[in-house]
Amino acid sequence: MTDMAKRVLIQGRVQGVGFRDFVERAALRHGVQGWVRNRRDGSVEAVFAGTPEAVVAVIAACQHGPGASRVDRIDEAPAGPDDVAQRYTGELFSVLPTA
């Protein structure tokens, strides 16, 4: 099956609760490439690339997040190779600095 790539913006109580680490573990568990970072507006942004099933599974995990989080909304948009390439060289999935 062909790969898909999505950029997601996650809003709610998603900073200071281990959300990026949770997303990184979910992505690696599903073999998804990409990155995650906090945004100055209090949201979390991520790019996921992999099989459609794997990408959908990671986005579904983001709906729940770690125990102390609260996800109010997830916006999805298509992502391209340049988006995925923002991860650190040599890493399948990266936690990037706040943007």
C-alpha atoms as a PDB file:
ATOM      1  CA  MET A   1       0.000   0.000   0.000  1.00  0.00           C
ATOM      2  CA  THR A   2       1.239   3.507  -0.778  1.00  0.00           C
ATOM      3  CA  ASP A   3       2.524   5.760   1.951  1.00  0.00           C
ATOM      4  CA  MET A   4       0.639   8.763   3.219  1.00  0.00           C
ATOM      5  CA  ALA A   5       1.839  11.848   5.053  1.00  0.00           C
ATOM      6  CA  LYS A   6      -0.211  14.106   7.335  1.00  0.00           C
ATOM      7  CA  ARG A   7       0.490  17.281   9.263  1.00  0.00           C
ATOM      8  CA  VAL A   8      -1.574  17.541  12.435  1.00  0.00           C
ATOM      9  CA  LEU A   9      -2.191  20.350  14.887  1.00  0.00           C
ATOM     10  CA  ILE A  10      -3.334  19.154  18.306  1.00  0.00           C
ATOM     11  CA  GLN A  11      -5.069  21.592  20.648  1.00  0.00           C
ATOM     12  CA  GLY A  12      -6.057  21.276  24.285  1.00  0.00           C
ATOM     13  CA  ARG A  13      -3.950  20.608  27.390  1.00  0.00           C
ATOM     14  CA  VAL A  14      -1.062  19.139  25.403  1.00  0.00           C
ATOM     15  CA  GLN A  15       2.032  20.882  26.765  1.00  0.00           C
ATOM     16  CA  GLY A  16       3.714  20.063  30.060  1.00  0.00           C
ATOM     17  CA  VAL A  17       2.021  16.643  30.200  1.00  0.00           C
ATOM     18  CA  GLY A  18       4.506  14.423  28.284  1.00  0.00           C
ATOM     19  CA  PHE A  19       2.582  14.706  25.019  1.00  0.00           C
ATOM     20  CA  ARG A  20       5.600  14.887  22.673  1.00  0.00           C
ATOM     21  CA  ASP A  21       7.204  11.831  24.276  1.00  0.00           C
ATOM     22  CA  PHE A  22       3.866   9.999  24.004  1.00  0.00           C
ATOM     23  CA  VAL A  23       3.603  10.891  20.301  1.00  0.00           C
ATOM     24  CA  GLU A  24       7.205   9.830  19.622  1.00  0.00           C
ATOM     25  CA  ARG A  25       6.636   6.417  21.272  1.00  0.00           C
ATOM     26  CA  ALA A  26       3.376   5.900  19.337  1.00  0.00           C
ATOM     27  CA  ALA A  27       5.028   6.808  16.039  1.00  0.00           C
ATOM     28  CA  LEU A  28       8.000   4.505  16.603  1.00  0.00           C
ATOM     29  CA  ARG A  29       5.708   1.678  17.727  1.00  0.00           C
ATOM     30  CA  HIS A  30       3.847   1.947  14.402  1.00  0.00           C
ATOM     31  CA  GLY A  31       6.950   2.519  12.237  1.00  0.00           C
ATOM     32  CA  VAL A  32       5.867   6.046  11.320  1.00  0.00           C
ATOM     33  CA  GLN A  33       8.414   8.658  10.244  1.00  0.00           C
ATOM     34  CA  GLY A  34       8.224  12.374  11.016  1.00  0.00           C
ATOM     35  CA  TRP A  35       8.469  14.743  13.949  1.00  0.00           C
ATOM     36  CA  VAL A  36       6.599  16.471  16.770  1.00  0.00           C
ATOM     37  CA  ARG A  37       7.071  19.869  18.441  1.00  0.00           C
ATOM     38  CA  ASN A  38       5.388  22.284  20.808  1.00  0.00           C
ATOM     39  CA  ARG A  39       4.110  25.550  19.363  1.00  0.00           C
ATOM     40  CA  ARG A  40       4.231  28.872  21.144  1.00  0.00           C
ATOM     41  CA  ASP A  41       0.415  29.099  21.018  1.00  0.00           C
ATOM     42  CA  GLY A  42       0.152  26.078  23.367  1.00  0.00           C
ATOM     43  CA  SER A  43      -0.648  23.492  20.689  1.00  0.00           C
ATOM     44  CA  VAL A  44       1.427  20.548  19.492  1.00  0.00           C
ATOM     45  CA  GLU A  45       2.278  20.117  15.799  1.00  0.00           C
ATOM     46  CA  ALA A  46       3.387  16.865  14.184  1.00  0.00           C
ATOM     47  CA  VAL A  47       4.065  15.302  10.803  1.00  0.00           C
ATOM     48  CA  PHE A  48       3.462  11.575  10.307  1.00  0.00           C
ATOM     49  CA  ALA A  49       4.460   9.541   7.248  1.00  0.00           C
ATOM     50  CA  GLY A  50       3.989   5.829   6.664  1.00  0.00           C
ATOM     51  CA  THR A  51       1.369   3.347   5.600  1.00  0.00           C
ATOM     52  CA  PRO A  52      -2.172   4.720   5.792  1.00  0.00           C
ATOM     53  CA  GLU A  53      -3.012   2.241   8.571  1.00  0.00           C
ATOM     54  CA  ALA A  54       0.002   3.276  10.639  1.00  0.00           C
ATOM     55  CA  VAL A  55      -0.594   7.020  10.204  1.00  0.00           C
ATOM     56  CA  VAL A  56      -4.274   6.636  11.126  1.00  0.00           C
ATOM     57  CA  ALA A  57      -3.286   4.587  14.207  1.00  0.00           C
ATOM     58  CA  VAL A  58      -0.868   7.279  15.439  1.00  0.00           C
ATOM     59  CA  ILE A  59      -3.423  10.058  14.892  1.00  0.00           C
ATOM     60  CA  ALA A  60      -5.981   7.956  16.801  1.00  0.00           C
ATOM     61  CA  ALA A  61      -3.479   7.607  19.668  1.00  0.00           C
ATOM     62  CA  CYS A  62      -3.092  11.399  19.662  1.00  0.00           C
ATOM     63  CA  GLN A  63      -6.838  11.727  20.253  1.00  0.00           C
ATOM     64  CA  HIS A  64      -6.280  10.220  23.715  1.00  0.00           C
ATOM     65  CA  GLY A  65      -2.731  11.317  24.565  1.00  0.00           C
ATOM     66  CA  PRO A  66      -1.050  10.602  27.897  1.00  0.00           C
ATOM     67  CA  GLY A  67      -3.106  10.528  31.088  1.00  0.00           C
ATOM     68  CA  ALA A  68      -2.717  14.171  32.151  1.00  0.00           C
ATOM     69  CA  SER A  69      -3.538  15.570  28.710  1.00  0.00           C
ATOM     70  CA  ARG A  70      -6.833  16.748  27.278  1.00  0.00           C
ATOM     71  CA  VAL A  71      -7.235  16.843  23.491  1.00  0.00           C
ATOM     72  CA  ASP A  72      -9.903  19.298  22.356  1.00  0.00           C
ATOM     73  CA  ARG A  73      -9.239  19.263  18.630  1.00  0.00           C
ATOM     74  CA  ILE A  74      -6.983  17.737  15.971  1.00  0.00           C
ATOM     75  CA  ASP A  75      -6.728  19.400  12.573  1.00  0.00           C
ATOM     76  CA  GLU A  76      -5.235  17.324   9.735  1.00  0.00           C
ATOM     77  CA  ALA A  77      -3.759  18.412   6.411  1.00  0.00           C
ATOM     78  CA  PRO A  78      -1.700  16.627   3.769  1.00  0.00           C
ATOM     79  CA  ALA A  79       2.079  16.793   4.231  1.00  0.00           C
ATOM     80  CA  GLY A  80       4.822  16.467   1.652  1.00  0.00           C
ATOM     81  CA  PRO A  81       8.392  15.149   1.569  1.00  0.00           C
ATOM     82  CA  ASP A  82       9.780  18.550   2.598  1.00  0.00           C
ATOM     83  CA  ASP A  83       7.620  18.464   5.743  1.00  0.00           C
ATOM     84  CA  VAL A  84       8.826  14.974   6.699  1.00  0.00           C
ATOM     85  CA  ALA A  85      12.449  15.943   5.966  1.00  0.00           C
ATOM     86  CA  GLN A  86      12.433  18.452   8.851  1.00  0.00           C
ATOM     87  CA  ARG A  87      13.243  15.582  11.229  1.00  0.00           C
ATOM     88  CA  TYR A  88      16.843  15.165  12.366  1.00  0.00           C
ATOM     89  CA  THR A  89      19.173  13.320   9.999  1.00  0.00           C
ATOM     90  CA  GLY A  90      19.433   9.650  10.896  1.00  0.00           C
ATOM     91  CA  GLU A  91      16.267   9.604  13.023  1.00  0.00           C
ATOM     92  CA  LEU A  92      13.028   7.902  12.044  1.00  0.00           C
ATOM     93  CA  PHE A  93      11.060  10.288  14.287  1.00  0.00           C
ATOM     94  CA  SER A  94      12.285  13.467  15.980  1.00  0.00           C
ATOM     95  CA  VAL A  95      11.201  15.792  18.775  1.00  0.00           C
ATOM     96  CA  LEU A  96      11.947  19.252  17.398  1.00  0.00           C
ATOM     97  CA  PRO A  97      12.360  22.565  19.231  1.00  0.00           C
ATOM     98  CA  THR A  98       9.331  24.766  19.910  1.00  0.00           C
ATOM     99  CA  ALA A  99       8.210  26.842  16.926  1.00  0.00           C
END
